[in-house]
PDB file of all heavy atoms in Angstrom:
ATOM      1  N   GLU A   1      11.876  15.766  -2.937  1.00  0.00           N
ATOM      2  CA  GLU A   1      12.736  16.881  -3.293  1.00  0.00           C
ATOM      3  C   GLU A   1      12.319  17.494  -4.618  1.00  0.00           C
ATOM      4  O   GLU A   1      11.953  16.806  -5.552  1.00  0.00           O
ATOM      5  CB  GLU A   1      14.177  16.400  -3.406  1.00  0.00           C
ATOM      6  CG  GLU A   1      14.767  15.992  -2.074  1.00  0.00           C
ATOM      7  CD  GLU A   1      16.219  15.587  -2.239  1.00  0.00           C
ATOM      8  OE1 GLU A   1      16.890  16.106  -3.129  1.00  0.00           O
ATOM      9  OE2 GLU A   1      16.643  14.732  -1.465  1.00  0.00           O
ATOM     10  N   THR A   2      12.412  18.808  -4.675  1.00  0.00           N
ATOM     11  CA  THR A   2      12.200  19.534  -5.925  1.00  0.00           C
ATOM     12  C   THR A   2      13.244  20.618  -6.014  1.00  0.00           C
ATOM     13  O   THR A   2      13.814  21.037  -5.007  1.00  0.00           O
ATOM     14  CB  THR A   2      10.794  20.168  -5.994  1.00  0.00           C
ATOM     15  OG1 THR A   2      10.652  21.062  -4.903  1.00  0.00           O
ATOM     16  CG2 THR A   2       9.704  19.118  -5.953  1.00  0.00           C
ATOM     17  N   ASN A   3      13.511  21.080  -7.216  1.00  0.00           N
ATOM     18  CA  ASN A   3      14.456  22.182  -7.333  1.00  0.00           C
ATOM     19  C   ASN A   3      13.687  23.496  -7.366  1.00  0.00           C
ATOM     20  O   ASN A   3      12.467  23.513  -7.390  1.00  0.00           O
ATOM     21  CB  ASN A   3      15.345  22.001  -8.575  1.00  0.00           C
ATOM     22  CG  ASN A   3      14.546  21.956  -9.857  1.00  0.00           C
ATOM     23  OD1 ASN A   3      13.559  22.665  -9.998  1.00  0.00           O
ATOM     24  ND2 ASN A   3      14.978  21.122 -10.801  1.00  0.00           N
ATOM     25  N   GLN A   4      14.414  24.619  -7.373  1.00  0.00           N
ATOM     26  CA  GLN A   4      13.754  25.916  -7.296  1.00  0.00           C
ATOM     27  C   GLN A   4      12.968  26.242  -8.555  1.00  0.00           C
ATOM     28  O   GLN A   4      11.971  26.933  -8.501  1.00  0.00           O
ATOM     29  CB  GLN A   4      14.780  27.004  -7.019  1.00  0.00           C
ATOM     30  CG  GLN A   4      15.349  26.903  -5.621  1.00  0.00           C
ATOM     31  CD  GLN A   4      16.412  27.958  -5.384  1.00  0.00           C
ATOM     32  OE1 GLN A   4      17.007  28.458  -6.331  1.00  0.00           O
ATOM     33  NE2 GLN A   4      16.635  28.285  -4.134  1.00  0.00           N
ATOM     34  N   ARG A   5      13.401  25.798  -9.699  1.00  0.00           N
ATOM     35  CA  ARG A   5      12.721  26.132 -10.947  1.00  0.00           C
ATOM     36  C   ARG A   5      11.419  25.359 -11.112  1.00  0.00           C
ATOM     37  O   ARG A   5      10.503  25.805 -11.747  1.00  0.00           O
ATOM     38  CB  ARG A   5      13.629  25.829 -12.139  1.00  0.00           C
ATOM     39  CG  ARG A   5      14.768  26.787 -12.241  1.00  0.00           C
ATOM     40  CD  ARG A   5      15.629  26.526 -13.445  1.00  0.00           C
ATOM     41  NE  ARG A   5      14.953  25.690 -14.417  1.00  0.00           N
ATOM     42  CZ  ARG A   5      15.589  24.951 -15.302  1.00  0.00           C
ATOM     43  NH1 ARG A   5      16.890  24.934 -15.339  1.00  0.00           N
ATOM     44  NH2 ARG A   5      14.934  24.220 -16.165  1.00  0.00           N
ATOM     45  N   ASN A   6      11.352  24.182 -10.583  1.00  0.00           N
ATOM     46  CA  ASN A   6      10.161  23.347 -10.756  1.00  0.00           C
ATOM     47  C   ASN A   6       9.654  22.981  -9.370  1.00  0.00           C
ATOM     48  O   ASN A   6      10.245  22.152  -8.702  1.00  0.00           O
ATOM     49  CB  ASN A   6      10.514  22.090 -11.554  1.00  0.00           C
ATOM     50  CG  ASN A   6       9.313  21.233 -11.827  1.00  0.00           C
ATOM     51  OD1 ASN A   6       8.201  21.556 -11.417  1.00  0.00           O
ATOM     52  ND2 ASN A   6       9.530  20.137 -12.519  1.00  0.00           N
ATOM     53  N   SER A   7       8.549  23.577  -8.961  1.00  0.00           N
ATOM     54  CA  SER A   7       8.051  23.321  -7.612  1.00  0.00           C
ATOM     55  C   SER A   7       6.972  22.254  -7.564  1.00  0.00           C
ATOM     56  O   SER A   7       6.359  22.043  -6.547  1.00  0.00           O
ATOM     57  CB  SER A   7       7.515  24.624  -7.011  1.00  0.00           C
ATOM     58  OG  SER A   7       6.434  25.090  -7.784  1.00  0.00           O
ATOM     59  N   THR A   8       6.727  21.558  -8.687  1.00  0.00           N
ATOM     60  CA  THR A   8       5.750  20.482  -8.663  1.00  0.00           C
ATOM     61  C   THR A   8       6.324  19.301  -7.890  1.00  0.00           C
ATOM     62  O   THR A   8       7.533  19.139  -7.808  1.00  0.00           O
ATOM     63  CB  THR A   8       5.387  20.014 -10.092  1.00  0.00           C
ATOM     64  OG1 THR A   8       6.559  19.505 -10.706  1.00  0.00           O
ATOM     65  CG2 THR A   8       4.797  21.147 -10.899  1.00  0.00           C
ATOM     66  N   PRO A   9       5.480  18.484  -7.309  1.00  0.00           N
ATOM     67  CA  PRO A   9       5.999  17.351  -6.542  1.00  0.00           C
ATOM     68  C   PRO A   9       6.570  16.238  -7.414  1.00  0.00           C
ATOM     69  O   PRO A   9       7.049  15.253  -6.890  1.00  0.00           O
ATOM     70  CB  PRO A   9       4.772  16.872  -5.757  1.00  0.00           C
ATOM     71  CG  PRO A   9       3.604  17.411  -6.467  1.00  0.00           C
ATOM     72  CD  PRO A   9       4.053  18.632  -7.196  1.00  0.00           C
ATOM     73  N   TYR A  10       6.510  16.363  -8.724  1.00  0.00           N
ATOM     74  CA  TYR A  10       6.995  15.323  -9.636  1.00  0.00           C
ATOM     75  C   TYR A  10       7.993  15.939 -10.612  1.00  0.00           C
ATOM     76  O   TYR A  10       7.660  16.213 -11.756  1.00  0.00           O
ATOM     77  CB  TYR A  10       5.844  14.683 -10.397  1.00  0.00           C
ATOM     78  CG  TYR A  10       4.786  14.165  -9.466  1.00  0.00           C
ATOM     79  CD1 TYR A  10       3.604  14.866  -9.275  1.00  0.00           C
ATOM     80  CD2 TYR A  10       4.976  12.996  -8.760  1.00  0.00           C
ATOM     81  CE1 TYR A  10       2.638  14.406  -8.406  1.00  0.00           C
ATOM     82  CE2 TYR A  10       4.019  12.524  -7.887  1.00  0.00           C
ATOM     83  CZ  TYR A  10       2.855  13.234  -7.719  1.00  0.00           C
ATOM     84  OH  TYR A  10       1.903  12.773  -6.857  1.00  0.00           O
ATOM     85  N   PRO A  11       9.249  16.143 -10.197  1.00  0.00           N
ATOM     86  CA  PRO A  11      10.189  16.859 -11.054  1.00  0.00           C
ATOM     87  C   PRO A  11      10.699  16.056 -12.247  1.00  0.00           C
ATOM     88  O   PRO A  11      11.194  16.632 -13.198  1.00  0.00           O
ATOM     89  CB  PRO A  11      11.335  17.181 -10.095  1.00  0.00           C
ATOM     90  CG  PRO A  11      11.265  16.126  -9.051  1.00  0.00           C
ATOM     91  CD  PRO A  11       9.802  15.804  -8.909  1.00  0.00           C
ATOM     92  N   ASN A  12      10.598  14.741 -12.234  1.00  0.00           N
ATOM     93  CA  ASN A  12      11.164  13.922 -13.302  1.00  0.00           C
ATOM     94  C   ASN A  12      10.083  13.303 -14.179  1.00  0.00           C
ATOM     95  O   ASN A  12      10.088  12.115 -14.457  1.00  0.00           O
ATOM     96  CB  ASN A  12      12.040  12.822 -12.708  1.00  0.00           C
ATOM     97  CG  ASN A  12      13.201  13.405 -11.941  1.00  0.00           C
ATOM     98  OD1 ASN A  12      13.795  14.378 -12.385  1.00  0.00           O
ATOM     99  ND2 ASN A  12      13.497  12.838 -10.795  1.00  0.00           N
ATOM    100  N   ILE A  13       9.145  14.107 -14.630  1.00  0.00           N
ATOM    101  CA  ILE A  13       8.051  13.630 -15.461  1.00  0.00           C
ATOM    102  C   ILE A  13       8.572  13.377 -16.873  1.00  0.00           C
ATOM    103  O   ILE A  13       9.265  14.228 -17.434  1.00  0.00           O
ATOM    104  CB  ILE A  13       6.910  14.657 -15.488  1.00  0.00           C
ATOM    105  CG1 ILE A  13       6.359  14.835 -14.081  1.00  0.00           C
ATOM    106  CG2 ILE A  13       5.815  14.243 -16.455  1.00  0.00           C
ATOM    107  CD1 ILE A  13       5.402  15.986 -13.948  1.00  0.00           C
ATOM    108  N   PRO A  14       8.262  12.225 -17.461  1.00  0.00           N
ATOM    109  CA  PRO A  14       8.684  11.988 -18.842  1.00  0.00           C
ATOM    110  C   PRO A  14       8.112  13.057 -19.766  1.00  0.00           C
ATOM    111  O   PRO A  14       7.044  13.606 -19.506  1.00  0.00           O
ATOM    112  CB  PRO A  14       8.082  10.610 -19.171  1.00  0.00           C
ATOM    113  CG  PRO A  14       7.770   9.997 -17.854  1.00  0.00           C
ATOM    114  CD  PRO A  14       7.533  11.115 -16.893  1.00  0.00           C
ATOM    115  N   PRO A  15       8.792  13.354 -20.866  1.00  0.00           N
ATOM    116  CA  PRO A  15       8.356  14.430 -21.757  1.00  0.00           C
ATOM    117  C   PRO A  15       6.939  14.267 -22.309  1.00  0.00           C
ATOM    118  O   PRO A  15       6.295  15.241 -22.646  1.00  0.00           O
ATOM    119  CB  PRO A  15       9.366  14.383 -22.901  1.00  0.00           C
ATOM    120  CG  PRO A  15      10.507  13.591 -22.405  1.00  0.00           C
ATOM    121  CD  PRO A  15      10.016  12.726 -21.285  1.00  0.00           C
ATOM    122  N   ILE A  16       6.424  13.047 -22.413  1.00  0.00           N
ATOM    123  CA  ILE A  16       5.095  12.851 -22.977  1.00  0.00           C
ATOM    124  C   ILE A  16       4.003  13.412 -22.062  1.00  0.00           C
ATOM    125  O   ILE A  16       2.916  13.739 -22.506  1.00  0.00           O
ATOM    126  CB  ILE A  16       4.842  11.361 -23.298  1.00  0.00           C
ATOM    127  CG1 ILE A  16       3.668  11.221 -24.231  1.00  0.00           C
ATOM    128  CG2 ILE A  16       4.648  10.558 -22.035  1.00  0.00           C
ATOM    129  CD1 ILE A  16       3.545   9.875 -24.861  1.00  0.00           C
ATOM    130  N   LEU A  17       4.298  13.536 -20.776  1.00  0.00           N
ATOM    131  CA  LEU A  17       3.325  14.067 -19.827  1.00  0.00           C
ATOM    132  C   LEU A  17       3.802  15.421 -19.329  1.00  0.00           C
ATOM    133  O   LEU A  17       4.695  15.506 -18.498  1.00  0.00           O
ATOM    134  CB  LEU A  17       3.153  13.121 -18.636  1.00  0.00           C
ATOM    135  CG  LEU A  17       2.571  11.761 -18.974  1.00  0.00           C
ATOM    136  CD1 LEU A  17       2.550  10.899 -17.741  1.00  0.00           C
ATOM    137  CD2 LEU A  17       1.190  11.896 -19.545  1.00  0.00           C
ATOM    138  N   GLU A  18       3.186  16.458 -19.864  1.00  0.00           N
ATOM    139  CA  GLU A  18       3.586  17.788 -19.425  1.00  0.00           C
ATOM    140  C   GLU A  18       2.971  18.112 -18.076  1.00  0.00           C
ATOM    141  O   GLU A  18       1.957  17.560 -17.699  1.00  0.00           O
ATOM    142  CB  GLU A  18       3.190  18.841 -20.462  1.00  0.00           C
ATOM    143  CG  GLU A  18       1.687  19.025 -20.628  1.00  0.00           C
ATOM    144  CD  GLU A  18       1.015  18.027 -21.532  1.00  0.00           C
ATOM    145  OE1 GLU A  18       1.118  18.154 -22.740  1.00  0.00           O
ATOM    146  OE2 GLU A  18       0.357  17.104 -21.011  1.00  0.00           O
ATOM    147  N   SER A  19       3.638  18.990 -17.360  1.00  0.00           N
ATOM    148  CA  SER A  19       3.165  19.391 -16.052  1.00  0.00           C
ATOM    149  C   SER A  19       3.220  20.903 -15.968  1.00  0.00           C
ATOM    150  O   SER A  19       4.175  21.516 -16.433  1.00  0.00           O
ATOM    151  CB  SER A  19       4.052  18.764 -14.984  1.00  0.00           C
ATOM    152  OG  SER A  19       3.614  19.128 -13.714  1.00  0.00           O
ATOM    153  N   HIS A  20       2.216  21.509 -15.392  1.00  0.00           N
ATOM    154  CA  HIS A  20       2.153  22.950 -15.248  1.00  0.00           C
ATOM    155  C   HIS A  20       2.023  23.275 -13.766  1.00  0.00           C
ATOM    156  O   HIS A  20       1.052  22.888 -13.120  1.00  0.00           O
ATOM    157  CB  HIS A  20       0.958  23.510 -16.035  1.00  0.00           C
ATOM    158  CG  HIS A  20       1.029  23.163 -17.489  1.00  0.00           C
ATOM    159  ND1 HIS A  20       1.853  23.824 -18.362  1.00  0.00           N
ATOM    160  CD2 HIS A  20       0.403  22.211 -18.216  1.00  0.00           C
ATOM    161  CE1 HIS A  20       1.727  23.300 -19.573  1.00  0.00           C
ATOM    162  NE2 HIS A  20       0.853  22.308 -19.510  1.00  0.00           N
ATOM    163  N   ASP A  21       3.012  23.989 -13.256  1.00  0.00           N
ATOM    164  CA  ASP A  21       3.014  24.332 -11.832  1.00  0.00           C
ATOM    165  C   ASP A  21       1.710  24.973 -11.387  1.00  0.00           C
ATOM    166  O   ASP A  21       1.221  24.694 -10.299  1.00  0.00           O
ATOM    167  CB  ASP A  21       4.164  25.295 -11.521  1.00  0.00           C
ATOM    168  CG  ASP A  21       5.511  24.596 -11.490  1.00  0.00           C
ATOM    169  OD1 ASP A  21       5.530  23.353 -11.489  1.00  0.00           O
ATOM    170  OD2 ASP A  21       6.527  25.302 -11.452  1.00  0.00           O
ATOM    171  N   SER A  22       1.136  25.818 -12.218  1.00  0.00           N
ATOM    172  CA  SER A  22      -0.087  26.526 -11.829  1.00  0.00           C
ATOM    173  C   SER A  22      -1.232  25.559 -11.543  1.00  0.00           C
ATOM    174  O   SER A  22      -2.097  25.848 -10.719  1.00  0.00           O
ATOM    175  CB  SER A  22      -0.497  27.509 -12.920  1.00  0.00           C
ATOM    176  OG  SER A  22      -0.822  26.812 -14.110  1.00  0.00           O
ATOM    177  N   GLU A  23      -1.247  24.405 -12.187  1.00  0.00           N
ATOM    178  CA  GLU A  23      -2.322  23.440 -11.972  1.00  0.00           C
ATOM    179  C   GLU A  23      -2.235  22.772 -10.607  1.00  0.00           C
ATOM    180  O   GLU A  23      -3.216  22.247 -10.114  1.00  0.00           O
ATOM    181  CB  GLU A  23      -2.346  22.407 -13.096  1.00  0.00           C
ATOM    182  CG  GLU A  23      -2.780  23.034 -14.405  1.00  0.00           C
ATOM    183  CD  GLU A  23      -2.707  22.091 -15.582  1.00  0.00           C
ATOM    184  OE1 GLU A  23      -2.384  20.902 -15.396  1.00  0.00           O
ATOM    185  OE2 GLU A  23      -2.969  22.554 -16.698  1.00  0.00           O
ATOM    186  N   TYR A  24      -1.042  22.794  -9.997  1.00  0.00           N
ATOM    187  CA  TYR A  24      -0.918  22.235  -8.662  1.00  0.00           C
ATOM    188  C   TYR A  24      -1.477  23.185  -7.613  1.00  0.00           C
ATOM    189  O   TYR A  24      -1.757  22.804  -6.503  1.00  0.00           O
ATOM    190  CB  TYR A  24       0.544  21.918  -8.335  1.00  0.00           C
ATOM    191  CG  TYR A  24       1.011  20.688  -9.059  1.00  0.00           C
ATOM    192  CD1 TYR A  24       1.763  20.790 -10.214  1.00  0.00           C
ATOM    193  CD2 TYR A  24       0.678  19.427  -8.597  1.00  0.00           C
ATOM    194  CE1 TYR A  24       2.187  19.670 -10.887  1.00  0.00           C
ATOM    195  CE2 TYR A  24       1.087  18.297  -9.262  1.00  0.00           C
ATOM    196  CZ  TYR A  24       1.844  18.422 -10.407  1.00  0.00           C
ATOM    197  OH  TYR A  24       2.236  17.306 -11.070  1.00  0.00           O
ATOM    198  N   ARG A  25      -1.623  24.449  -7.992  1.00  0.00           N
ATOM    199  CA  ARG A  25      -2.068  25.444  -7.033  1.00  0.00           C
ATOM    200  C   ARG A  25      -3.504  25.891  -7.255  1.00  0.00           C
ATOM    201  O   ARG A  25      -4.082  26.523  -6.402  1.00  0.00           O
ATOM    202  CB  ARG A  25      -1.149  26.660  -7.106  1.00  0.00           C
ATOM    203  CG  ARG A  25       0.234  26.353  -6.607  1.00  0.00           C
ATOM    204  CD  ARG A  25       1.097  27.596  -6.605  1.00  0.00           C
ATOM    205  NE  ARG A  25       2.489  27.232  -6.479  1.00  0.00           N
ATOM    206  CZ  ARG A  25       3.296  26.981  -7.494  1.00  0.00           C
ATOM    207  NH1 ARG A  25       2.853  27.068  -8.724  1.00  0.00           N
ATOM    208  NH2 ARG A  25       4.541  26.647  -7.292  1.00  0.00           N
ATOM    209  N   ASP A  26      -4.057  25.619  -8.426  1.00  0.00           N
ATOM    210  CA  ASP A  26      -5.425  26.086  -8.658  1.00  0.00           C
ATOM    211  C   ASP A  26      -6.443  25.119  -8.069  1.00  0.00           C
ATOM    212  O   ASP A  26      -6.099  24.055  -7.581  1.00  0.00           O
ATOM    213  CB  ASP A  26      -5.687  26.374 -10.142  1.00  0.00           C
ATOM    214  CG  ASP A  26      -5.828  25.138 -11.015  1.00  0.00           C
ATOM    215  OD1 ASP A  26      -5.990  24.022 -10.485  1.00  0.00           O
ATOM    216  OD2 ASP A  26      -5.781  25.272 -12.250  1.00  0.00           O
ATOM    217  N   ALA A  27      -7.696  25.537  -8.086  1.00  0.00           N
ATOM    218  CA  ALA A  27      -8.753  24.754  -7.442  1.00  0.00           C
ATOM    219  C   ALA A  27      -9.296  23.656  -8.341  1.00  0.00           C
ATOM    220  O   ALA A  27     -10.185  22.929  -7.945  1.00  0.00           O
ATOM    221  CB  ALA A  27      -9.891  25.677  -7.021  1.00  0.00           C
ATOM    222  N   GLY A  28      -8.789  23.531  -9.545  1.00  0.00           N
ATOM    223  CA  GLY A  28      -9.269  22.511 -10.466  1.00  0.00           C
ATOM    224  C   GLY A  28     -10.280  23.070 -11.430  1.00  0.00           C
ATOM    225  O   GLY A  28     -10.595  24.256 -11.416  1.00  0.00           O
ATOM    226  N   ILE A  29     -10.777  22.210 -12.284  1.00  0.00           N
ATOM    227  CA  ILE A  29     -11.737  22.614 -13.300  1.00  0.00           C
ATOM    228  C   ILE A  29     -12.866  21.592 -13.333  1.00  0.00           C
ATOM    229  O   ILE A  29     -12.623  20.394 -13.239  1.00  0.00           O
ATOM    230  CB  ILE A  29     -11.045  22.765 -14.671  1.00  0.00           C
ATOM    231  CG1 ILE A  29     -11.964  23.400 -15.671  1.00  0.00           C
ATOM    232  CG2 ILE A  29     -10.475  21.474 -15.158  1.00  0.00           C
ATOM    233  CD1 ILE A  29     -11.241  23.930 -16.885  1.00  0.00           C
ATOM    234  N   THR A  30     -14.088  22.068 -13.420  1.00  0.00           N
ATOM    235  CA  THR A  30     -15.228  21.157 -13.358  1.00  0.00           C
ATOM    236  C   THR A  30     -15.347  20.322 -14.619  1.00  0.00           C
ATOM    237  O   THR A  30     -14.930  20.720 -15.694  1.00  0.00           O
ATOM    238  CB  THR A  30     -16.545  21.940 -13.160  1.00  0.00           C
ATOM    239  OG1 THR A  30     -16.702  22.834 -14.248  1.00  0.00           O
ATOM    240  CG2 THR A  30     -16.557  22.682 -11.858  1.00  0.00           C
ATOM    241  N   SER A  31     -15.948  19.181 -14.457  1.00  0.00           N
ATOM    242  CA  SER A  31     -16.303  18.339 -15.594  1.00  0.00           C
ATOM    243  C   SER A  31     -17.535  18.940 -16.248  1.00  0.00           C
ATOM    244  O   SER A  31     -18.356  19.586 -15.600  1.00  0.00           O
ATOM    245  CB  SER A  31     -16.610  16.926 -15.097  1.00  0.00           C
ATOM    246  OG  SER A  31     -17.149  16.145 -16.126  1.00  0.00           O
ATOM    247  N   SER A  32     -17.684  18.723 -17.545  1.00  0.00           N
ATOM    248  CA  SER A  32     -18.862  19.257 -18.238  1.00  0.00           C
ATOM    249  C   SER A  32     -20.092  18.383 -18.025  1.00  0.00           C
ATOM    250  O   SER A  32     -21.205  18.808 -18.297  1.00  0.00           O
ATOM    251  CB  SER A  32     -18.567  19.415 -19.730  1.00  0.00           C
ATOM    252  OG  SER A  32     -18.309  18.159 -20.310  1.00  0.00           O
ATOM    253  N   VAL A  33     -19.901  17.169 -17.535  1.00  0.00           N
ATOM    254  CA  VAL A  33     -21.019  16.262 -17.282  1.00  0.00           C
ATOM    255  C   VAL A  33     -20.922  15.801 -15.834  1.00  0.00           C
ATOM    256  O   VAL A  33     -20.112  14.940 -15.497  1.00  0.00           O
ATOM    257  CB  VAL A  33     -20.985  15.038 -18.223  1.00  0.00           C
ATOM    258  CG1 VAL A  33     -22.203  14.168 -18.008  1.00  0.00           C
ATOM    259  CG2 VAL A  33     -20.879  15.460 -19.683  1.00  0.00           C
TER     260      VAL A  33
END
């Protein structure tokens, strides 16, 4: 379950670990090595 404001699959993330909805939808980012 998620609410309408937060569509990430992990709605109860502790404050030390931020979550950005856009990162769940993007294709990722390459490693430099």
